[in-house]
């Protein structure tokens, strides 16, 4: 497999998941502004949507959209426990948390990474992100270690990456102690450490 990634972007969640399952894969870094990969490929032909992640399977097929890539990785390595069994309420919860992270939290951070966003846009975005963290802090306040309880899942990988963006946009996670503790827990996992080191983030 080959993961097309951008350091620190949401593709980091897929990178962490691949490290968690011990998969054999290559990385090809994408310059999303130029539409080319570090190896010289035209990324627009790999993923016309232009963003990461994309996962090239051994069959040559290309899988896109972070939540789909994460679930595919987990399902290829069921022994990893990164996703509950299909048809269970736990699996539905996994979808719930992946969707929330994607459509709500990830989306809320958008203006911080847009060259077209004004300072007013970013101020509004900060307030929106805060509302998302309010919900997540309440969710994690029951003492659970990870989103689904004691077991780490691909939803945790995604939530960790997006929540950690707060450190780059001036949002202090100390306001949400349960979210901050969650981010610290995931950051210490060997797979997260390995993926972040590979991307030059630590």
C-alpha atoms as a PDB file:
ATOM      1  CA  UNK A   1       0.000   0.000   0.000  1.00  0.00           C
ATOM      2  CA  UNK A   2       0.953   3.615  -0.396  1.00  0.00           C
ATOM      3  CA  UNK A   3      -0.367   6.481   1.698  1.00  0.00           C
ATOM      4  CA  UNK A   4      -0.432   9.892   0.089  1.00  0.00           C
ATOM      5  CA  UNK A   5      -0.049  12.302   2.969  1.00  0.00           C
ATOM      6  CA  UNK A   6       0.721  15.834   4.044  1.00  0.00           C
ATOM      7  CA  UNK A   7       2.617  16.272   7.342  1.00  0.00           C
ATOM      8  CA  UNK A   8       0.288  17.153  10.194  1.00  0.00           C
ATOM      9  CA  UNK A   9      -2.837  17.086   8.035  1.00  0.00           C
ATOM     10  CA  UNK A  10      -5.747  14.722   8.633  1.00  0.00           C
ATOM     11  CA  UNK A  11      -3.809  12.048   6.729  1.00  0.00           C
ATOM     12  CA  UNK A  12      -1.749  11.688   9.900  1.00  0.00           C
ATOM     13  CA  UNK A  13      -4.688   9.744  11.370  1.00  0.00           C
ATOM     14  CA  UNK A  14      -4.369   7.124   8.634  1.00  0.00           C
ATOM     15  CA  UNK A  15      -0.595   7.084   9.095  1.00  0.00           C
ATOM     16  CA  UNK A  16      -1.069   6.363  12.799  1.00  0.00           C
ATOM     17  CA  UNK A  17      -3.584   3.612  12.040  1.00  0.00           C
ATOM     18  CA  UNK A  18      -1.180   1.945   9.604  1.00  0.00           C
ATOM     19  CA  UNK A  19       1.525   2.036  12.276  1.00  0.00           C
ATOM     20  CA  UNK A  20      -0.915   0.639  14.867  1.00  0.00           C
ATOM     21  CA  UNK A  21      -1.672  -2.438  12.743  1.00  0.00           C
ATOM     22  CA  UNK A  22       1.941  -2.942  11.670  1.00  0.00           C
ATOM     23  CA  UNK A  23       1.117  -2.637   7.975  1.00  0.00           C
ATOM     24  CA  UNK A  24       3.753  -2.526   5.281  1.00  0.00           C
ATOM     25  CA  UNK A  25       3.296   0.681   3.306  1.00  0.00           C
ATOM     26  CA  UNK A  26       5.071   3.515   1.537  1.00  0.00           C
ATOM     27  CA  UNK A  27       4.552   7.241   2.023  1.00  0.00           C
ATOM     28  CA  UNK A  28       4.392   9.849  -0.707  1.00  0.00           C
ATOM     29  CA  UNK A  29       4.110  13.407   0.562  1.00  0.00           C
ATOM     30  CA  UNK A  30       1.707  15.686  -1.303  1.00  0.00           C
ATOM     31  CA  UNK A  31       2.065  19.375  -2.019  1.00  0.00           C
ATOM     32  CA  UNK A  32      -1.658  20.136  -2.197  1.00  0.00           C
ATOM     33  CA  UNK A  33      -1.020  23.675  -3.464  1.00  0.00           C
ATOM     34  CA  UNK A  34       1.023  22.459  -6.422  1.00  0.00           C
ATOM     35  CA  UNK A  35      -0.926  19.249  -6.912  1.00  0.00           C
ATOM     36  CA  UNK A  36       2.197  17.104  -7.031  1.00  0.00           C
ATOM     37  CA  UNK A  37       3.770  14.456  -4.841  1.00  0.00           C
ATOM     38  CA  UNK A  38       7.312  14.370  -3.522  1.00  0.00           C
ATOM     39  CA  UNK A  39       8.034  11.523  -5.934  1.00  0.00           C
ATOM     40  CA  UNK A  40       6.952  13.740  -8.848  1.00  0.00           C
ATOM     41  CA  UNK A  41       3.473  12.354  -9.534  1.00  0.00           C
ATOM     42  CA  UNK A  42       0.551  14.491 -10.668  1.00  0.00           C
ATOM     43  CA  UNK A  43      -1.673  14.178  -7.612  1.00  0.00           C
ATOM     44  CA  UNK A  44      -4.729  15.464  -9.450  1.00  0.00           C
ATOM     45  CA  UNK A  45      -4.706  12.201 -11.405  1.00  0.00           C
ATOM     46  CA  UNK A  46      -4.519  10.170  -8.201  1.00  0.00           C
ATOM     47  CA  UNK A  47      -7.210  12.073  -6.337  1.00  0.00           C
ATOM     48  CA  UNK A  48      -9.067  14.711  -8.397  1.00  0.00           C
ATOM     49  CA  UNK A  49     -10.427  16.155  -5.148  1.00  0.00           C
ATOM     50  CA  UNK A  50      -6.903  17.331  -4.458  1.00  0.00           C
ATOM     51  CA  UNK A  51      -6.678  16.695  -0.745  1.00  0.00           C
ATOM     52  CA  UNK A  52      -5.266  13.986   1.499  1.00  0.00           C
ATOM     53  CA  UNK A  53      -5.374  11.208   2.491  1.00  0.00           C
ATOM     54  CA  UNK A  54      -5.447   8.836  -0.419  1.00  0.00           C
ATOM     55  CA  UNK A  55      -4.548   5.190   0.025  1.00  0.00           C
ATOM     56  CA  UNK A  56      -3.320   3.231  -2.969  1.00  0.00           C
ATOM     57  CA  UNK A  57      -4.142  -0.433  -2.450  1.00  0.00           C
ATOM     58  CA  UNK A  58      -2.041  -3.325  -3.688  1.00  0.00           C
ATOM     59  CA  UNK A  59      -4.659  -3.799  -6.414  1.00  0.00           C
ATOM     60  CA  UNK A  60      -3.966  -0.305  -7.707  1.00  0.00           C
ATOM     61  CA  UNK A  61      -7.307   1.025  -6.517  1.00  0.00           C
ATOM     62  CA  UNK A  62      -7.313   4.421  -4.807  1.00  0.00           C
ATOM     63  CA  UNK A  63      -9.362   4.952  -1.658  1.00  0.00           C
ATOM     64  CA  UNK A  64     -10.043   8.503  -0.480  1.00  0.00           C
ATOM     65  CA  UNK A  65     -11.791  10.304   2.411  1.00  0.00           C
ATOM     66  CA  UNK A  66     -10.170   9.918   5.807  1.00  0.00           C
ATOM     67  CA  UNK A  67     -13.025   8.147   7.569  1.00  0.00           C
ATOM     68  CA  UNK A  68     -13.247   5.536   4.802  1.00  0.00           C
ATOM     69  CA  UNK A  69      -9.488   4.995   4.730  1.00  0.00           C
ATOM     70  CA  UNK A  70      -9.409   4.540   8.498  1.00  0.00           C
ATOM     71  CA  UNK A  71     -12.210   1.976   8.521  1.00  0.00           C
ATOM     72  CA  UNK A  72     -10.643   0.090   5.622  1.00  0.00           C
ATOM     73  CA  UNK A  73      -7.340  -0.181   7.485  1.00  0.00           C
ATOM     74  CA  UNK A  74      -9.097  -1.383  10.640  1.00  0.00           C
ATOM     75  CA  UNK A  75     -11.165  -3.950   8.747  1.00  0.00           C
ATOM     76  CA  UNK A  76      -8.108  -5.371   6.974  1.00  0.00           C
ATOM     77  CA  UNK A  77      -6.542  -6.033  10.370  1.00  0.00           C
ATOM     78  CA  UNK A  78      -9.462  -7.113  12.588  1.00  0.00           C
ATOM     79  CA  UNK A  79      -7.076  -8.558  15.156  1.00  0.00           C
ATOM     80  CA  UNK A  80      -5.900  -5.008  15.872  1.00  0.00           C
ATOM     81  CA  UNK A  81      -9.226  -4.105  17.490  1.00  0.00           C
ATOM     82  CA  UNK A  82      -9.168  -0.673  15.840  1.00  0.00           C
ATOM     83  CA  UNK A  83     -12.841  -1.032  14.875  1.00  0.00           C
ATOM     84  CA  UNK A  84     -15.668  -2.996  16.501  1.00  0.00           C
ATOM     85  CA  UNK A  85     -17.451  -5.727  14.585  1.00  0.00           C
ATOM     86  CA  UNK A  86     -19.890  -4.586  11.897  1.00  0.00           C
ATOM     87  CA  UNK A  87     -23.528  -4.604  12.934  1.00  0.00           C
ATOM     88  CA  UNK A  88     -22.847  -3.817  16.592  1.00  0.00           C
ATOM     89  CA  UNK A  89     -23.838  -0.678  18.455  1.00  0.00           C
ATOM     90  CA  UNK A  90     -20.141  -0.129  19.126  1.00  0.00           C
ATOM     91  CA  UNK A  91     -19.504  -0.004  15.364  1.00  0.00           C
ATOM     92  CA  UNK A  92     -22.338   2.482  14.976  1.00  0.00           C
ATOM     93  CA  UNK A  93     -20.706   4.595  17.683  1.00  0.00           C
ATOM     94  CA  UNK A  94     -17.434   4.436  15.768  1.00  0.00           C
ATOM     95  CA  UNK A  95     -19.251   5.833  12.705  1.00  0.00           C
ATOM     96  CA  UNK A  96     -20.849   8.475  14.908  1.00  0.00           C
ATOM     97  CA  UNK A  97     -17.517   9.713  16.247  1.00  0.00           C
ATOM     98  CA  UNK A  98     -15.768   9.554  12.876  1.00  0.00           C
ATOM     99  CA  UNK A  99     -18.594  11.539  11.299  1.00  0.00           C
ATOM    100  CA  UNK A 100     -18.608  14.112  14.090  1.00  0.00           C
ATOM    101  CA  UNK A 101     -14.877  14.629  13.838  1.00  0.00           C
ATOM    102  CA  UNK A 102     -15.093  14.945  10.049  1.00  0.00           C
ATOM    103  CA  UNK A 103     -18.191  17.063   9.559  1.00  0.00           C
ATOM    104  CA  UNK A 104     -18.107  19.140  12.728  1.00  0.00           C
ATOM    105  CA  UNK A 105     -14.669  19.494  14.326  1.00  0.00           C
ATOM    106  CA  UNK A 106     -12.510  19.171  11.201  1.00  0.00           C
ATOM    107  CA  UNK A 107     -14.789  21.506   9.286  1.00  0.00           C
ATOM    108  CA  UNK A 108     -14.772  24.050  12.113  1.00  0.00           C
ATOM    109  CA  UNK A 109     -10.986  24.394  11.848  1.00  0.00           C
ATOM    110  CA  UNK A 110     -11.203  25.153   8.112  1.00  0.00           C
ATOM    111  CA  UNK A 111     -10.901  28.959   8.234  1.00  0.00           C
ATOM    112  CA  UNK A 112      -7.638  28.729  10.168  1.00  0.00           C
ATOM    113  CA  UNK A 113      -6.006  27.041   7.184  1.00  0.00           C
ATOM    114  CA  UNK A 114      -7.593  29.126   4.420  1.00  0.00           C
ATOM    115  CA  UNK A 115      -5.591  31.915   2.808  1.00  0.00           C
ATOM    116  CA  UNK A 116      -8.893  33.622   2.012  1.00  0.00           C
ATOM    117  CA  UNK A 117     -10.124  33.747   5.615  1.00  0.00           C
ATOM    118  CA  UNK A 118     -10.226  37.113   7.353  1.00  0.00           C
ATOM    119  CA  UNK A 119      -9.404  37.689  11.008  1.00  0.00           C
ATOM    120  CA  UNK A 120     -13.138  37.933  11.634  1.00  0.00           C
ATOM    121  CA  UNK A 121     -13.587  34.542   9.973  1.00  0.00           C
ATOM    122  CA  UNK A 122     -10.920  33.076  12.230  1.00  0.00           C
ATOM    123  CA  UNK A 123     -12.480  34.606  15.338  1.00  0.00           C
ATOM    124  CA  UNK A 124     -15.814  33.028  14.441  1.00  0.00           C
ATOM    125  CA  UNK A 125     -14.052  29.754  13.718  1.00  0.00           C
ATOM    126  CA  UNK A 126     -12.445  29.833  17.154  1.00  0.00           C
ATOM    127  CA  UNK A 127     -15.839  30.195  18.790  1.00  0.00           C
ATOM    128  CA  UNK A 128     -17.183  27.340  16.678  1.00  0.00           C
ATOM    129  CA  UNK A 129     -14.264  25.072  17.563  1.00  0.00           C
ATOM    130  CA  UNK A 130     -14.827  25.891  21.241  1.00  0.00           C
ATOM    131  CA  UNK A 131     -18.425  24.642  21.009  1.00  0.00           C
ATOM    132  CA  UNK A 132     -17.202  21.360  19.513  1.00  0.00           C
ATOM    133  CA  UNK A 133     -14.637  20.975  22.285  1.00  0.00           C
ATOM    134  CA  UNK A 134     -17.341  21.707  24.876  1.00  0.00           C
ATOM    135  CA  UNK A 135     -19.267  18.672  23.623  1.00  0.00           C
ATOM    136  CA  UNK A 136     -16.184  16.466  23.469  1.00  0.00           C
ATOM    137  CA  UNK A 137     -15.024  17.472  26.936  1.00  0.00           C
ATOM    138  CA  UNK A 138     -18.428  16.528  28.364  1.00  0.00           C
ATOM    139  CA  UNK A 139     -18.282  13.228  26.471  1.00  0.00           C
ATOM    140  CA  UNK A 140     -14.862  12.346  27.851  1.00  0.00           C
ATOM    141  CA  UNK A 141     -15.704  13.514  31.381  1.00  0.00           C
ATOM    142  CA  UNK A 142     -17.145  10.103  32.327  1.00  0.00           C
ATOM    143  CA  UNK A 143     -13.641   8.721  32.753  1.00  0.00           C
ATOM    144  CA  UNK A 144     -13.380   6.740  29.518  1.00  0.00           C
ATOM    145  CA  UNK A 145      -9.861   6.333  28.207  1.00  0.00           C
ATOM    146  CA  UNK A 146     -10.838   6.548  24.549  1.00  0.00           C
ATOM    147  CA  UNK A 147     -14.005   7.361  22.614  1.00  0.00           C
ATOM    148  CA  UNK A 148     -15.301   3.787  22.742  1.00  0.00           C
ATOM    149  CA  UNK A 149     -14.099   3.078  26.267  1.00  0.00           C
ATOM    150  CA  UNK A 150     -10.848   1.310  27.095  1.00  0.00           C
ATOM    151  CA  UNK A 151      -9.978   0.262  23.543  1.00  0.00           C
ATOM    152  CA  UNK A 152      -8.198   2.575  21.118  1.00  0.00           C
ATOM    153  CA  UNK A 153      -9.939   2.855  17.744  1.00  0.00           C
ATOM    154  CA  UNK A 154      -9.454   4.639  14.429  1.00  0.00           C
ATOM    155  CA  UNK A 155     -11.922   7.266  15.672  1.00  0.00           C
ATOM    156  CA  UNK A 156      -9.402   8.164  18.369  1.00  0.00           C
ATOM    157  CA  UNK A 157      -6.672   8.493  15.775  1.00  0.00           C
ATOM    158  CA  UNK A 158      -8.739  10.998  13.809  1.00  0.00           C
ATOM    159  CA  UNK A 159      -9.935  12.952  16.850  1.00  0.00           C
ATOM    160  CA  UNK A 160      -6.374  13.185  18.152  1.00  0.00           C
ATOM    161  CA  UNK A 161      -5.033  14.669  14.913  1.00  0.00           C
ATOM    162  CA  UNK A 162      -7.774  17.274  14.524  1.00  0.00           C
ATOM    163  CA  UNK A 163      -7.807  18.234  18.213  1.00  0.00           C
ATOM    164  CA  UNK A 164      -4.037  18.648  18.130  1.00  0.00           C
ATOM    165  CA  UNK A 165      -4.405  21.350  15.467  1.00  0.00           C
ATOM    166  CA  UNK A 166      -5.393  23.624  18.354  1.00  0.00           C
ATOM    167  CA  UNK A 167      -1.683  23.883  19.176  1.00  0.00           C
ATOM    168  CA  UNK A 168      -1.014  25.490  15.782  1.00  0.00           C
ATOM    169  CA  UNK A 169      -3.850  28.024  15.734  1.00  0.00           C
ATOM    170  CA  UNK A 170      -3.625  29.500  19.208  1.00  0.00           C
ATOM    171  CA  UNK A 171      -6.431  27.574  20.929  1.00  0.00           C
ATOM    172  CA  UNK A 172      -5.461  26.477  24.434  1.00  0.00           C
ATOM    173  CA  UNK A 173      -6.762  22.989  25.203  1.00  0.00           C
ATOM    174  CA  UNK A 174      -6.376  23.642  28.931  1.00  0.00           C
ATOM    175  CA  UNK A 175      -9.910  25.042  28.770  1.00  0.00           C
ATOM    176  CA  UNK A 176     -11.047  21.463  28.049  1.00  0.00           C
ATOM    177  CA  UNK A 177      -9.053  19.291  30.469  1.00  0.00           C
ATOM    178  CA  UNK A 178     -10.583  15.984  29.362  1.00  0.00           C
ATOM    179  CA  UNK A 179      -9.815  16.694  25.705  1.00  0.00           C
ATOM    180  CA  UNK A 180      -6.299  17.820  26.643  1.00  0.00           C
ATOM    181  CA  UNK A 181      -5.719  14.608  28.613  1.00  0.00           C
ATOM    182  CA  UNK A 182      -7.041  12.543  25.700  1.00  0.00           C
ATOM    183  CA  UNK A 183      -4.653  14.230  23.272  1.00  0.00           C
ATOM    184  CA  UNK A 184      -1.741  13.609  25.635  1.00  0.00           C
ATOM    185  CA  UNK A 185      -2.683   9.918  25.993  1.00  0.00           C
ATOM    186  CA  UNK A 186      -2.850   9.314  22.264  1.00  0.00           C
ATOM    187  CA  UNK A 187       0.331  11.306  21.611  1.00  0.00           C
ATOM    188  CA  UNK A 188       2.234   8.892  23.858  1.00  0.00           C
ATOM    189  CA  UNK A 189       1.191   5.787  21.922  1.00  0.00           C
ATOM    190  CA  UNK A 190       4.161   4.260  20.067  1.00  0.00           C
ATOM    191  CA  UNK A 191       2.303   4.346  16.745  1.00  0.00           C
ATOM    192  CA  UNK A 192       1.498   8.038  17.123  1.00  0.00           C
ATOM    193  CA  UNK A 193       5.088   8.784  18.066  1.00  0.00           C
ATOM    194  CA  UNK A 194       6.405   6.838  15.081  1.00  0.00           C
ATOM    195  CA  UNK A 195       4.031   8.495  12.602  1.00  0.00           C
ATOM    196  CA  UNK A 196       4.729  11.997  13.899  1.00  0.00           C
ATOM    197  CA  UNK A 197       8.491  11.414  13.780  1.00  0.00           C
ATOM    198  CA  UNK A 198       8.209  10.118  10.205  1.00  0.00           C
ATOM    199  CA  UNK A 199       6.353  13.311   9.247  1.00  0.00           C
ATOM    200  CA  UNK A 200       8.901  15.553  10.980  1.00  0.00           C
ATOM    201  CA  UNK A 201       6.412  16.782  13.564  1.00  0.00           C
ATOM    202  CA  UNK A 202       8.467  15.797  16.602  1.00  0.00           C
END
